[in-house]
N, C-alpha and C. Protein backbone atom coordinates (compact mmCIF):
# COMPACT_ATOMS: atom_id res chain seq x y z
N UNK A 1 0.85 -1.18 0.00
CA UNK A 1 0.00 0.00 0.00
C UNK A 1 0.89 1.24 0.00
N UNK A 2 0.68 2.11 -0.94
CA UNK A 2 1.50 3.30 -1.09
C UNK A 2 0.97 4.44 -0.24
N UNK A 3 1.86 5.07 0.53
CA UNK A 3 1.53 6.27 1.32
C UNK A 3 2.57 7.33 0.98
N UNK A 4 2.20 8.59 1.15
CA UNK A 4 3.13 9.69 0.93
C UNK A 4 3.25 10.48 2.22
N UNK A 5 4.45 10.56 2.74
CA UNK A 5 4.68 11.28 3.99
C UNK A 5 4.40 12.78 3.85
N UNK A 6 4.53 13.32 2.64
CA UNK A 6 4.26 14.74 2.41
C UNK A 6 2.77 15.04 2.28
N UNK A 7 1.96 14.02 2.06
CA UNK A 7 0.52 14.18 1.82
C UNK A 7 -0.21 14.34 3.16
N UNK A 8 -0.98 15.43 3.30
CA UNK A 8 -1.71 15.69 4.54
C UNK A 8 -2.79 14.65 4.83
N UNK A 9 -3.29 13.98 3.81
CA UNK A 9 -4.25 12.90 4.05
C UNK A 9 -3.51 11.66 4.53
N UNK A 10 -2.44 11.28 3.85
CA UNK A 10 -1.67 10.09 4.24
C UNK A 10 -1.06 10.24 5.64
N UNK A 11 -0.55 11.43 5.96
CA UNK A 11 0.13 11.60 7.26
C UNK A 11 -0.81 12.01 8.39
N UNK A 12 -2.12 12.19 8.07
CA UNK A 12 -3.11 12.47 9.10
C UNK A 12 -3.31 13.93 9.45
N UNK A 13 -2.53 14.84 8.89
CA UNK A 13 -2.67 16.26 9.22
C UNK A 13 -4.04 16.83 8.86
N UNK A 14 -4.62 16.35 7.77
CA UNK A 14 -5.93 16.89 7.35
C UNK A 14 -7.03 16.56 8.36
N UNK A 15 -6.85 15.48 9.13
CA UNK A 15 -7.87 15.12 10.12
C UNK A 15 -8.00 16.21 11.19
N UNK A 16 -6.88 16.73 11.64
CA UNK A 16 -6.96 17.78 12.66
C UNK A 16 -7.32 19.13 12.05
N UNK A 17 -6.85 19.42 10.85
CA UNK A 17 -7.17 20.70 10.20
C UNK A 17 -8.68 20.84 9.99
N UNK A 18 -9.32 19.78 9.52
CA UNK A 18 -10.74 19.84 9.19
C UNK A 18 -11.62 19.19 10.25
N UNK A 19 -11.04 18.93 11.42
CA UNK A 19 -11.78 18.36 12.55
C UNK A 19 -12.61 17.16 12.09
N UNK A 20 -11.94 16.20 11.49
CA UNK A 20 -12.65 15.06 10.93
C UNK A 20 -12.12 13.76 11.50
N UNK A 21 -12.96 12.74 11.43
CA UNK A 21 -12.59 11.41 11.89
C UNK A 21 -13.14 10.39 10.91
N UNK A 22 -12.43 9.30 10.74
CA UNK A 22 -12.91 8.21 9.90
C UNK A 22 -14.06 7.53 10.62
N UNK A 23 -15.18 7.37 9.91
CA UNK A 23 -16.35 6.72 10.50
C UNK A 23 -16.66 5.39 9.81
N UNK A 24 -16.05 5.15 8.67
CA UNK A 24 -16.21 3.88 7.95
C UNK A 24 -14.96 3.67 7.12
N UNK A 25 -14.55 2.41 7.00
CA UNK A 25 -13.43 2.10 6.11
C UNK A 25 -13.49 0.64 5.72
N UNK A 26 -12.84 0.34 4.62
CA UNK A 26 -12.55 -1.04 4.24
C UNK A 26 -11.07 -1.06 3.86
N UNK A 27 -10.60 -2.05 3.18
CA UNK A 27 -9.17 -2.14 2.86
C UNK A 27 -8.71 -1.06 1.88
N UNK A 28 -9.65 -0.50 1.11
CA UNK A 28 -9.27 0.42 0.05
C UNK A 28 -9.79 1.85 0.21
N UNK A 29 -10.80 2.08 1.05
CA UNK A 29 -11.46 3.38 1.13
C UNK A 29 -11.71 3.79 2.58
N UNK A 30 -11.70 5.10 2.81
CA UNK A 30 -12.09 5.70 4.09
C UNK A 30 -13.19 6.72 3.84
N UNK A 31 -14.14 6.77 4.75
CA UNK A 31 -15.12 7.85 4.78
C UNK A 31 -14.94 8.55 6.11
N UNK A 32 -14.70 9.85 6.05
CA UNK A 32 -14.57 10.62 7.29
C UNK A 32 -15.63 11.71 7.31
N UNK A 33 -16.02 12.06 8.52
CA UNK A 33 -16.97 13.14 8.74
C UNK A 33 -16.24 14.31 9.37
N UNK A 34 -16.62 15.50 8.95
CA UNK A 34 -16.03 16.71 9.49
C UNK A 34 -16.97 17.34 10.49
N UNK A 35 -16.40 17.85 11.58
CA UNK A 35 -17.17 18.62 12.55
C UNK A 35 -17.01 20.11 12.26
N UNK A 36 -16.40 20.44 11.15
CA UNK A 36 -16.08 21.82 10.78
C UNK A 36 -16.75 22.12 9.44
N UNK A 37 -16.97 23.32 9.16
CA UNK A 37 -17.57 23.87 7.95
C UNK A 37 -19.05 24.13 8.16
N UNK A 38 -19.68 24.66 7.18
CA UNK A 38 -21.02 25.19 7.33
C UNK A 38 -22.14 24.19 7.05
N UNK A 39 -21.79 22.94 6.79
CA UNK A 39 -22.79 21.95 6.43
C UNK A 39 -22.68 20.74 7.34
N UNK A 40 -23.74 20.44 8.07
CA UNK A 40 -23.73 19.24 8.91
C UNK A 40 -23.73 18.01 8.02
N UNK A 41 -22.89 17.07 8.36
CA UNK A 41 -22.80 15.84 7.59
C UNK A 41 -21.78 15.89 6.47
N UNK A 42 -21.00 16.96 6.42
CA UNK A 42 -19.97 17.09 5.39
C UNK A 42 -18.99 15.93 5.53
N UNK A 43 -18.79 15.19 4.44
CA UNK A 43 -17.97 13.97 4.49
C UNK A 43 -16.94 13.97 3.38
N UNK A 44 -15.90 13.16 3.58
CA UNK A 44 -14.85 12.98 2.58
C UNK A 44 -14.71 11.49 2.31
N UNK A 45 -14.72 11.11 1.04
CA UNK A 45 -14.42 9.74 0.64
C UNK A 45 -13.08 9.77 -0.07
N UNK A 46 -12.15 8.91 0.38
CA UNK A 46 -10.82 8.92 -0.22
C UNK A 46 -10.21 7.52 -0.17
N UNK A 47 -9.36 7.22 -1.13
CA UNK A 47 -8.68 5.92 -1.11
C UNK A 47 -7.66 5.88 0.03
N UNK A 48 -7.50 4.71 0.61
CA UNK A 48 -6.49 4.51 1.66
C UNK A 48 -5.11 4.69 1.05
N UNK A 49 -4.90 4.12 -0.11
CA UNK A 49 -3.63 4.24 -0.82
C UNK A 49 -3.50 5.66 -1.37
N UNK A 50 -2.27 6.16 -1.44
CA UNK A 50 -2.06 7.49 -2.00
C UNK A 50 -2.26 7.44 -3.51
N UNK A 51 -3.38 7.97 -3.94
CA UNK A 51 -3.72 8.09 -5.36
C UNK A 51 -4.03 9.55 -5.59
N UNK A 52 -3.33 10.15 -6.52
CA UNK A 52 -3.41 11.61 -6.67
C UNK A 52 -4.70 12.13 -7.26
N UNK A 53 -5.31 11.40 -8.18
CA UNK A 53 -6.50 11.95 -8.84
C UNK A 53 -7.39 10.82 -9.34
N UNK A 54 -8.61 11.19 -9.66
CA UNK A 54 -9.63 10.20 -10.04
C UNK A 54 -9.21 9.42 -11.28
N UNK A 55 -8.48 10.03 -12.17
CA UNK A 55 -8.08 9.34 -13.39
C UNK A 55 -6.97 8.31 -13.16
N UNK A 56 -6.45 8.25 -11.94
CA UNK A 56 -5.41 7.27 -11.60
C UNK A 56 -6.00 5.99 -11.00
N UNK A 57 -7.32 5.95 -10.81
CA UNK A 57 -7.96 4.75 -10.26
C UNK A 57 -7.93 3.63 -11.29
N UNK A 58 -7.61 2.42 -10.83
CA UNK A 58 -7.70 1.28 -11.74
C UNK A 58 -9.17 0.87 -11.87
N UNK A 59 -9.45 -0.12 -12.72
CA UNK A 59 -10.84 -0.49 -12.98
C UNK A 59 -11.58 -0.94 -11.73
N UNK A 60 -10.94 -1.76 -10.89
CA UNK A 60 -11.61 -2.25 -9.69
C UNK A 60 -11.91 -1.11 -8.72
N UNK A 61 -10.93 -0.23 -8.50
CA UNK A 61 -11.16 0.91 -7.60
C UNK A 61 -12.22 1.86 -8.17
N UNK A 62 -12.23 2.02 -9.49
CA UNK A 62 -13.23 2.88 -10.13
C UNK A 62 -14.63 2.37 -9.90
N UNK A 63 -14.81 1.07 -10.06
CA UNK A 63 -16.14 0.47 -9.85
C UNK A 63 -16.56 0.63 -8.40
N UNK A 64 -15.65 0.33 -7.48
CA UNK A 64 -15.98 0.44 -6.06
C UNK A 64 -16.24 1.90 -5.68
N UNK A 65 -15.47 2.81 -6.24
CA UNK A 65 -15.65 4.24 -6.00
C UNK A 65 -17.07 4.67 -6.37
N UNK A 66 -17.50 4.31 -7.57
CA UNK A 66 -18.84 4.67 -8.02
C UNK A 66 -19.92 4.13 -7.11
N UNK A 67 -19.79 2.87 -6.74
CA UNK A 67 -20.77 2.25 -5.84
C UNK A 67 -20.80 2.94 -4.48
N UNK A 68 -19.62 3.28 -3.96
CA UNK A 68 -19.55 3.93 -2.64
C UNK A 68 -20.12 5.35 -2.68
N UNK A 69 -19.84 6.10 -3.74
CA UNK A 69 -20.40 7.45 -3.85
C UNK A 69 -21.92 7.38 -3.84
N UNK A 70 -22.48 6.45 -4.60
CA UNK A 70 -23.93 6.30 -4.63
C UNK A 70 -24.46 5.89 -3.26
N UNK A 71 -23.84 4.91 -2.63
CA UNK A 71 -24.31 4.42 -1.33
C UNK A 71 -24.24 5.51 -0.27
N UNK A 72 -23.10 6.23 -0.18
CA UNK A 72 -22.97 7.27 0.84
C UNK A 72 -23.89 8.45 0.55
N UNK A 73 -24.13 8.75 -0.72
CA UNK A 73 -25.07 9.80 -1.06
C UNK A 73 -26.47 9.44 -0.55
N UNK A 74 -26.88 8.20 -0.78
CA UNK A 74 -28.19 7.74 -0.31
C UNK A 74 -28.27 7.80 1.22
N UNK A 75 -27.21 7.36 1.88
CA UNK A 75 -27.19 7.36 3.34
C UNK A 75 -27.31 8.79 3.89
N UNK A 76 -26.53 9.72 3.35
CA UNK A 76 -26.58 11.10 3.82
C UNK A 76 -27.93 11.74 3.54
N UNK A 77 -28.52 11.43 2.37
CA UNK A 77 -29.85 11.96 2.07
C UNK A 77 -30.87 11.46 3.08
N UNK A 78 -30.79 10.18 3.41
CA UNK A 78 -31.74 9.62 4.37
C UNK A 78 -31.55 10.19 5.77
N UNK A 79 -30.31 10.25 6.23
CA UNK A 79 -30.04 10.74 7.58
C UNK A 79 -30.47 12.20 7.73
N UNK A 80 -30.13 13.03 6.75
CA UNK A 80 -30.39 14.47 6.88
C UNK A 80 -31.68 14.92 6.21
N UNK A 81 -32.41 13.98 5.64
CA UNK A 81 -33.71 14.29 5.02
C UNK A 81 -33.59 15.41 4.00
N UNK A 82 -32.60 15.26 3.10
CA UNK A 82 -32.38 16.24 2.05
C UNK A 82 -32.64 15.60 0.69
N UNK A 83 -32.89 16.44 -0.30
CA UNK A 83 -33.14 15.96 -1.65
C UNK A 83 -31.86 15.81 -2.47
N UNK A 84 -30.79 16.45 -2.00
CA UNK A 84 -29.57 16.50 -2.79
C UNK A 84 -28.34 16.45 -1.90
N UNK A 85 -27.34 15.72 -2.35
CA UNK A 85 -26.02 15.74 -1.73
C UNK A 85 -25.05 16.17 -2.81
N UNK A 86 -24.38 17.29 -2.59
CA UNK A 86 -23.36 17.72 -3.54
C UNK A 86 -22.19 16.75 -3.46
N UNK A 87 -21.68 16.36 -4.62
CA UNK A 87 -20.51 15.49 -4.71
C UNK A 87 -19.53 16.21 -5.61
N UNK A 88 -18.37 16.54 -5.05
CA UNK A 88 -17.42 17.28 -5.87
C UNK A 88 -15.99 16.97 -5.47
N UNK A 89 -15.11 17.22 -6.43
CA UNK A 89 -13.68 16.99 -6.23
C UNK A 89 -12.96 18.29 -6.53
N UNK A 90 -12.19 18.75 -5.56
CA UNK A 90 -11.22 19.80 -5.85
C UNK A 90 -9.91 19.02 -5.95
N UNK A 91 -8.82 19.49 -5.77
CA UNK A 91 -7.66 18.64 -5.85
C UNK A 91 -6.37 19.39 -6.02
N UNK A 92 -6.46 20.68 -6.10
CA UNK A 92 -5.23 21.43 -6.29
C UNK A 92 -4.53 21.75 -4.97
N UNK A 93 -5.20 21.54 -3.85
CA UNK A 93 -4.60 21.86 -2.56
C UNK A 93 -3.91 20.65 -1.92
N UNK A 94 -4.56 19.51 -1.96
CA UNK A 94 -4.00 18.28 -1.42
C UNK A 94 -3.94 17.27 -2.55
N UNK A 95 -2.76 16.74 -2.82
CA UNK A 95 -2.59 15.84 -3.96
C UNK A 95 -2.91 14.38 -3.59
N UNK A 96 -4.08 14.18 -3.03
CA UNK A 96 -4.60 12.85 -2.70
C UNK A 96 -6.08 12.91 -3.04
N UNK A 97 -6.53 12.01 -3.89
CA UNK A 97 -7.93 12.02 -4.27
C UNK A 97 -8.83 12.04 -3.04
N UNK A 98 -9.71 13.00 -2.98
CA UNK A 98 -10.72 13.06 -1.92
C UNK A 98 -11.97 13.70 -2.50
N UNK A 99 -13.08 13.04 -2.27
CA UNK A 99 -14.36 13.50 -2.79
C UNK A 99 -15.15 14.10 -1.64
N UNK A 100 -15.69 15.28 -1.85
CA UNK A 100 -16.51 15.96 -0.86
C UNK A 100 -17.96 15.54 -1.06
N UNK A 101 -18.62 15.18 0.02
CA UNK A 101 -20.04 14.85 0.00
C UNK A 101 -20.72 15.80 0.97
N UNK A 102 -21.58 16.67 0.44
CA UNK A 102 -22.18 17.72 1.27
C UNK A 102 -23.70 17.68 1.15
N UNK A 103 -24.39 17.22 2.20
CA UNK A 103 -25.86 17.25 2.18
C UNK A 103 -26.35 18.70 2.01
N UNK A 104 -27.25 18.91 1.08
CA UNK A 104 -27.72 20.27 0.77
C UNK A 104 -29.16 20.47 1.23
N UNK A 105 -29.37 21.50 2.02
CA UNK A 105 -30.70 21.90 2.45
C UNK A 105 -31.00 23.27 1.84
N UNK A 106 -32.24 23.51 1.53
CA UNK A 106 -32.66 24.79 0.96
C UNK A 106 -32.15 25.95 1.81
N UNK A 107 -31.47 26.90 1.16
CA UNK A 107 -30.99 28.09 1.84
C UNK A 107 -29.71 27.91 2.62
N UNK A 108 -29.09 26.73 2.55
CA UNK A 108 -27.85 26.55 3.30
C UNK A 108 -26.69 27.29 2.64
N UNK A 109 -25.57 27.26 3.30
CA UNK A 109 -24.40 28.01 2.87
C UNK A 109 -23.91 27.62 1.48
N UNK A 110 -23.98 26.35 1.14
CA UNK A 110 -23.47 25.89 -0.14
C UNK A 110 -24.40 26.20 -1.31
N UNK A 111 -25.63 26.52 -1.02
CA UNK A 111 -26.63 26.67 -2.06
C UNK A 111 -26.21 27.62 -3.18
N UNK A 112 -25.77 28.81 -2.83
CA UNK A 112 -25.44 29.76 -3.89
C UNK A 112 -24.02 30.29 -3.81
N UNK A 113 -23.28 29.93 -2.79
CA UNK A 113 -22.00 30.58 -2.58
C UNK A 113 -20.78 29.68 -2.79
N UNK A 114 -20.97 28.42 -3.05
CA UNK A 114 -19.83 27.50 -3.09
C UNK A 114 -18.82 27.86 -4.18
N UNK A 115 -19.26 28.44 -5.26
CA UNK A 115 -18.32 28.72 -6.34
C UNK A 115 -17.90 30.18 -6.42
N UNK A 116 -18.30 31.00 -5.47
CA UNK A 116 -17.88 32.39 -5.50
C UNK A 116 -16.49 32.54 -4.92
N UNK A 117 -15.66 33.41 -5.48
CA UNK A 117 -14.28 33.52 -5.03
C UNK A 117 -14.11 34.17 -3.66
N UNK A 118 -15.12 34.86 -3.16
CA UNK A 118 -14.98 35.55 -1.89
C UNK A 118 -15.63 34.78 -0.74
N UNK A 119 -15.84 33.50 -0.94
CA UNK A 119 -16.51 32.68 0.06
C UNK A 119 -15.65 32.55 1.32
N UNK A 120 -16.29 32.66 2.46
CA UNK A 120 -15.61 32.37 3.73
C UNK A 120 -16.55 31.51 4.55
N UNK A 121 -16.02 30.45 5.12
CA UNK A 121 -16.85 29.48 5.82
C UNK A 121 -17.03 29.88 7.28
N UNK A 122 -18.27 30.06 7.69
CA UNK A 122 -18.49 30.24 9.13
C UNK A 122 -18.29 28.89 9.80
N UNK A 123 -17.78 28.91 10.99
CA UNK A 123 -17.55 27.64 11.68
C UNK A 123 -18.83 27.18 12.35
N UNK A 124 -19.21 25.97 12.06
CA UNK A 124 -20.34 25.33 12.73
C UNK A 124 -19.91 23.89 12.96
N UNK A 125 -19.90 23.47 14.18
CA UNK A 125 -19.44 22.12 14.47
C UNK A 125 -20.56 21.27 15.01
N UNK A 126 -20.46 19.99 14.75
CA UNK A 126 -21.35 19.04 15.37
C UNK A 126 -20.89 18.84 16.80
N UNK A 127 -21.81 18.64 17.70
CA UNK A 127 -21.41 18.29 19.05
C UNK A 127 -20.81 16.89 19.00
N UNK A 128 -20.08 16.52 20.01
CA UNK A 128 -19.48 15.18 20.06
C UNK A 128 -20.58 14.12 19.99
N UNK A 129 -21.69 14.35 20.68
CA UNK A 129 -22.80 13.40 20.68
C UNK A 129 -23.44 13.29 19.29
N UNK A 130 -23.68 14.43 18.64
CA UNK A 130 -24.23 14.41 17.28
C UNK A 130 -23.30 13.66 16.33
N UNK A 131 -22.00 13.96 16.45
CA UNK A 131 -21.01 13.31 15.59
C UNK A 131 -21.02 11.80 15.81
N UNK A 132 -20.98 11.36 17.07
CA UNK A 132 -20.95 9.93 17.37
C UNK A 132 -22.22 9.23 16.91
N UNK A 133 -23.37 9.87 17.08
CA UNK A 133 -24.62 9.28 16.61
C UNK A 133 -24.64 9.14 15.10
N UNK A 134 -24.17 10.16 14.41
CA UNK A 134 -24.10 10.13 12.96
C UNK A 134 -23.15 9.04 12.48
N UNK A 135 -21.97 8.96 13.09
CA UNK A 135 -20.99 7.93 12.73
C UNK A 135 -21.56 6.54 12.95
N UNK A 136 -22.25 6.33 14.05
CA UNK A 136 -22.85 5.03 14.36
C UNK A 136 -23.92 4.68 13.34
N UNK A 137 -24.71 5.65 12.95
CA UNK A 137 -25.76 5.42 11.97
C UNK A 137 -25.17 5.02 10.61
N UNK A 138 -24.12 5.70 10.19
CA UNK A 138 -23.48 5.37 8.91
C UNK A 138 -22.91 3.97 8.95
N UNK A 139 -22.22 3.61 10.04
CA UNK A 139 -21.65 2.27 10.15
C UNK A 139 -22.75 1.22 10.09
N UNK A 140 -23.85 1.47 10.78
CA UNK A 140 -24.96 0.52 10.80
C UNK A 140 -25.55 0.36 9.39
N UNK A 141 -25.70 1.46 8.68
CA UNK A 141 -26.28 1.41 7.34
C UNK A 141 -25.35 0.76 6.32
N UNK A 142 -24.04 0.76 6.61
CA UNK A 142 -23.07 0.13 5.70
C UNK A 142 -22.91 -1.37 5.96
N UNK A 143 -23.45 -1.87 7.06
CA UNK A 143 -23.26 -3.29 7.35
C UNK A 143 -24.31 -4.14 6.67
């Protein structure tokens, strides 16, 4: 399994920066939830192995990636009772594939401002209890 010591995802630095914890994993993928940012339930799906971008996934990882994005989108929609979960990839800041999954509610912060250059995120965190309940629910739904 390839890891990069310079990569903030591989070395764990991104977990503390974004106040996130892994709530589900298998041998190839991690799903972490963030207690930071303006959207409750904001999650990251990323390969365990250091893979820089989506086009570097082999066929097996690509198939599993697609299935996991769909499954986690459904789970987040059900938990948060939303009609839409934004799924997007940035990638110029951290060179490790990571997909953002953001449950969208009418009028929330991401609704109209996610692509504006002057965006600033107000801090809103899940309580420890909310976070643990959400993590437990996701694990249960994945079993």
